[in-house]
Amino acid sequence: MTERAKNCTSSGKPLTEVGSTAFPCPNCGNPIGRSPRCRDQGVSYTCSECGFVGP
């Protein structure tokens, strides 16, 4: 089972708010976390493991 992200990959904020999500990187499976604010605003994220950039 993949480890779950505890912080937003973009902002670094803890994933404690309703609407936060975590998922595996589409490229390598490294955990990615997204806060509701970063998701809503479409802030890009970069996987720390493989460099994959997502919306």
N, C-alpha and C. Protein backbone atom coordinates (compact mmCIF):
# COMPACT_ATOMS: atom_id res chain seq x y z
N MET A 1 0.83 -1.17 0.00
CA MET A 1 0.00 0.00 0.00
C MET A 1 0.89 1.24 0.00
N THR A 2 0.48 2.25 -0.72
CA THR A 2 1.24 3.48 -0.85
C THR A 2 1.06 4.37 0.38
N GLU A 3 2.14 5.01 0.79
CA GLU A 3 2.08 5.96 1.90
C GLU A 3 1.21 7.14 1.51
N ARG A 4 0.47 7.68 2.44
CA ARG A 4 -0.42 8.83 2.20
C ARG A 4 0.32 10.12 2.52
N ALA A 5 0.17 11.12 1.65
CA ALA A 5 0.78 12.43 1.89
C ALA A 5 0.11 13.09 3.09
N LYS A 6 0.90 13.79 3.89
CA LYS A 6 0.38 14.47 5.08
C LYS A 6 0.29 15.97 4.88
N ASN A 7 1.00 16.48 3.86
CA ASN A 7 1.03 17.92 3.58
C ASN A 7 0.76 18.15 2.10
N CYS A 8 0.26 19.35 1.80
CA CYS A 8 0.03 19.75 0.42
C CYS A 8 1.38 19.84 -0.29
N THR A 9 1.49 19.23 -1.43
CA THR A 9 2.73 19.24 -2.20
C THR A 9 3.06 20.64 -2.70
N SER A 10 2.06 21.46 -2.95
CA SER A 10 2.29 22.82 -3.46
C SER A 10 2.59 23.82 -2.34
N SER A 11 1.77 23.83 -1.30
CA SER A 11 1.88 24.86 -0.26
C SER A 11 2.58 24.40 1.01
N GLY A 12 2.63 23.09 1.22
CA GLY A 12 3.24 22.55 2.43
C GLY A 12 2.32 22.53 3.64
N LYS A 13 1.08 22.99 3.48
CA LYS A 13 0.12 23.01 4.59
C LYS A 13 -0.36 21.60 4.89
N PRO A 14 -0.64 21.31 6.18
CA PRO A 14 -1.17 19.99 6.55
C PRO A 14 -2.52 19.74 5.87
N LEU A 15 -2.76 18.50 5.51
CA LEU A 15 -4.00 18.11 4.84
C LEU A 15 -5.07 17.76 5.87
N THR A 16 -5.54 18.78 6.59
CA THR A 16 -6.53 18.58 7.64
C THR A 16 -7.90 19.13 7.27
N GLU A 17 -7.98 19.99 6.28
CA GLU A 17 -9.25 20.62 5.90
C GLU A 17 -10.12 19.67 5.08
N VAL A 18 -11.44 19.89 5.17
CA VAL A 18 -12.37 19.16 4.31
C VAL A 18 -12.06 19.56 2.87
N GLY A 19 -12.01 18.61 1.99
CA GLY A 19 -11.69 18.88 0.59
C GLY A 19 -10.23 18.61 0.24
N SER A 20 -9.41 18.32 1.25
CA SER A 20 -8.02 17.94 0.99
C SER A 20 -8.02 16.55 0.37
N THR A 21 -6.99 16.28 -0.41
CA THR A 21 -6.90 14.96 -1.02
C THR A 21 -5.45 14.52 -1.13
N ALA A 22 -5.25 13.24 -1.25
CA ALA A 22 -3.93 12.66 -1.47
C ALA A 22 -4.08 11.55 -2.49
N PHE A 23 -3.09 11.43 -3.36
CA PHE A 23 -3.13 10.42 -4.40
C PHE A 23 -1.71 10.11 -4.84
N PRO A 24 -1.49 8.97 -5.50
CA PRO A 24 -0.15 8.66 -5.98
C PRO A 24 0.19 9.46 -7.25
N CYS A 25 1.44 9.81 -7.39
CA CYS A 25 1.90 10.50 -8.60
C CYS A 25 1.57 9.62 -9.80
N PRO A 26 1.00 10.20 -10.85
CA PRO A 26 0.64 9.41 -12.03
C PRO A 26 1.85 8.78 -12.72
N ASN A 27 3.04 9.33 -12.47
CA ASN A 27 4.24 8.85 -13.14
C ASN A 27 4.99 7.79 -12.33
N CYS A 28 5.15 8.03 -11.01
CA CYS A 28 6.00 7.13 -10.23
C CYS A 28 5.33 6.54 -8.98
N GLY A 29 4.16 7.05 -8.60
CA GLY A 29 3.45 6.52 -7.44
C GLY A 29 3.80 7.18 -6.12
N ASN A 30 4.71 8.14 -6.12
CA ASN A 30 5.05 8.88 -4.90
C ASN A 30 3.81 9.62 -4.41
N PRO A 31 3.57 9.69 -3.08
CA PRO A 31 2.36 10.37 -2.60
C PRO A 31 2.36 11.87 -2.90
N ILE A 32 1.22 12.36 -3.39
CA ILE A 32 0.99 13.78 -3.68
C ILE A 32 -0.18 14.23 -2.81
N GLY A 33 -0.06 15.37 -2.18
CA GLY A 33 -1.13 15.93 -1.37
C GLY A 33 -1.59 17.25 -1.95
N ARG A 34 -2.89 17.52 -1.84
CA ARG A 34 -3.46 18.76 -2.38
C ARG A 34 -4.43 19.36 -1.38
N SER A 35 -4.19 20.61 -1.01
CA SER A 35 -5.12 21.32 -0.12
C SER A 35 -6.29 21.82 -0.96
N PRO A 36 -7.43 22.11 -0.32
CA PRO A 36 -8.58 22.60 -1.08
C PRO A 36 -8.27 23.91 -1.82
N ARG A 37 -7.53 24.78 -1.21
CA ARG A 37 -7.20 26.07 -1.83
C ARG A 37 -6.36 25.86 -3.10
N CYS A 38 -5.33 25.03 -3.02
CA CYS A 38 -4.48 24.79 -4.19
C CYS A 38 -5.25 24.06 -5.29
N ARG A 39 -6.14 23.16 -4.90
CA ARG A 39 -6.97 22.47 -5.89
C ARG A 39 -7.89 23.45 -6.60
N ASP A 40 -8.59 24.28 -5.82
CA ASP A 40 -9.54 25.24 -6.39
C ASP A 40 -8.87 26.26 -7.31
N GLN A 41 -7.67 26.68 -6.95
CA GLN A 41 -6.97 27.70 -7.73
C GLN A 41 -6.12 27.10 -8.84
N GLY A 42 -6.05 25.79 -8.93
CA GLY A 42 -5.29 25.13 -9.99
C GLY A 42 -3.79 25.34 -9.87
N VAL A 43 -3.30 25.48 -8.62
CA VAL A 43 -1.87 25.67 -8.38
C VAL A 43 -1.15 24.38 -8.79
N SER A 44 -0.10 24.49 -9.59
CA SER A 44 0.61 23.30 -10.04
C SER A 44 1.42 22.69 -8.91
N TYR A 45 1.70 21.41 -9.04
CA TYR A 45 2.54 20.69 -8.08
C TYR A 45 3.64 19.98 -8.84
N THR A 46 4.72 19.71 -8.17
CA THR A 46 5.84 18.97 -8.75
C THR A 46 6.17 17.80 -7.83
N CYS A 47 6.20 16.61 -8.38
CA CYS A 47 6.55 15.43 -7.61
C CYS A 47 8.02 15.52 -7.19
N SER A 48 8.27 15.34 -5.90
CA SER A 48 9.64 15.43 -5.39
C SER A 48 10.50 14.25 -5.82
N GLU A 49 9.86 13.18 -6.21
CA GLU A 49 10.59 11.95 -6.60
C GLU A 49 11.01 11.97 -8.08
N CYS A 50 10.09 12.29 -8.98
CA CYS A 50 10.38 12.15 -10.42
C CYS A 50 10.30 13.46 -11.20
N GLY A 51 9.79 14.54 -10.55
CA GLY A 51 9.71 15.82 -11.23
C GLY A 51 8.46 16.03 -12.06
N PHE A 52 7.52 15.08 -12.02
CA PHE A 52 6.25 15.22 -12.74
C PHE A 52 5.54 16.49 -12.28
N VAL A 53 5.03 17.28 -13.22
CA VAL A 53 4.32 18.51 -12.89
C VAL A 53 2.85 18.33 -13.27
N GLY A 54 1.97 18.63 -12.33
CA GLY A 54 0.54 18.49 -12.57
C GLY A 54 -0.20 19.77 -12.22
N PRO A 55 -1.43 19.86 -12.65
CA PRO A 55 -2.23 21.07 -12.39
C PRO A 55 -2.73 21.17 -10.96
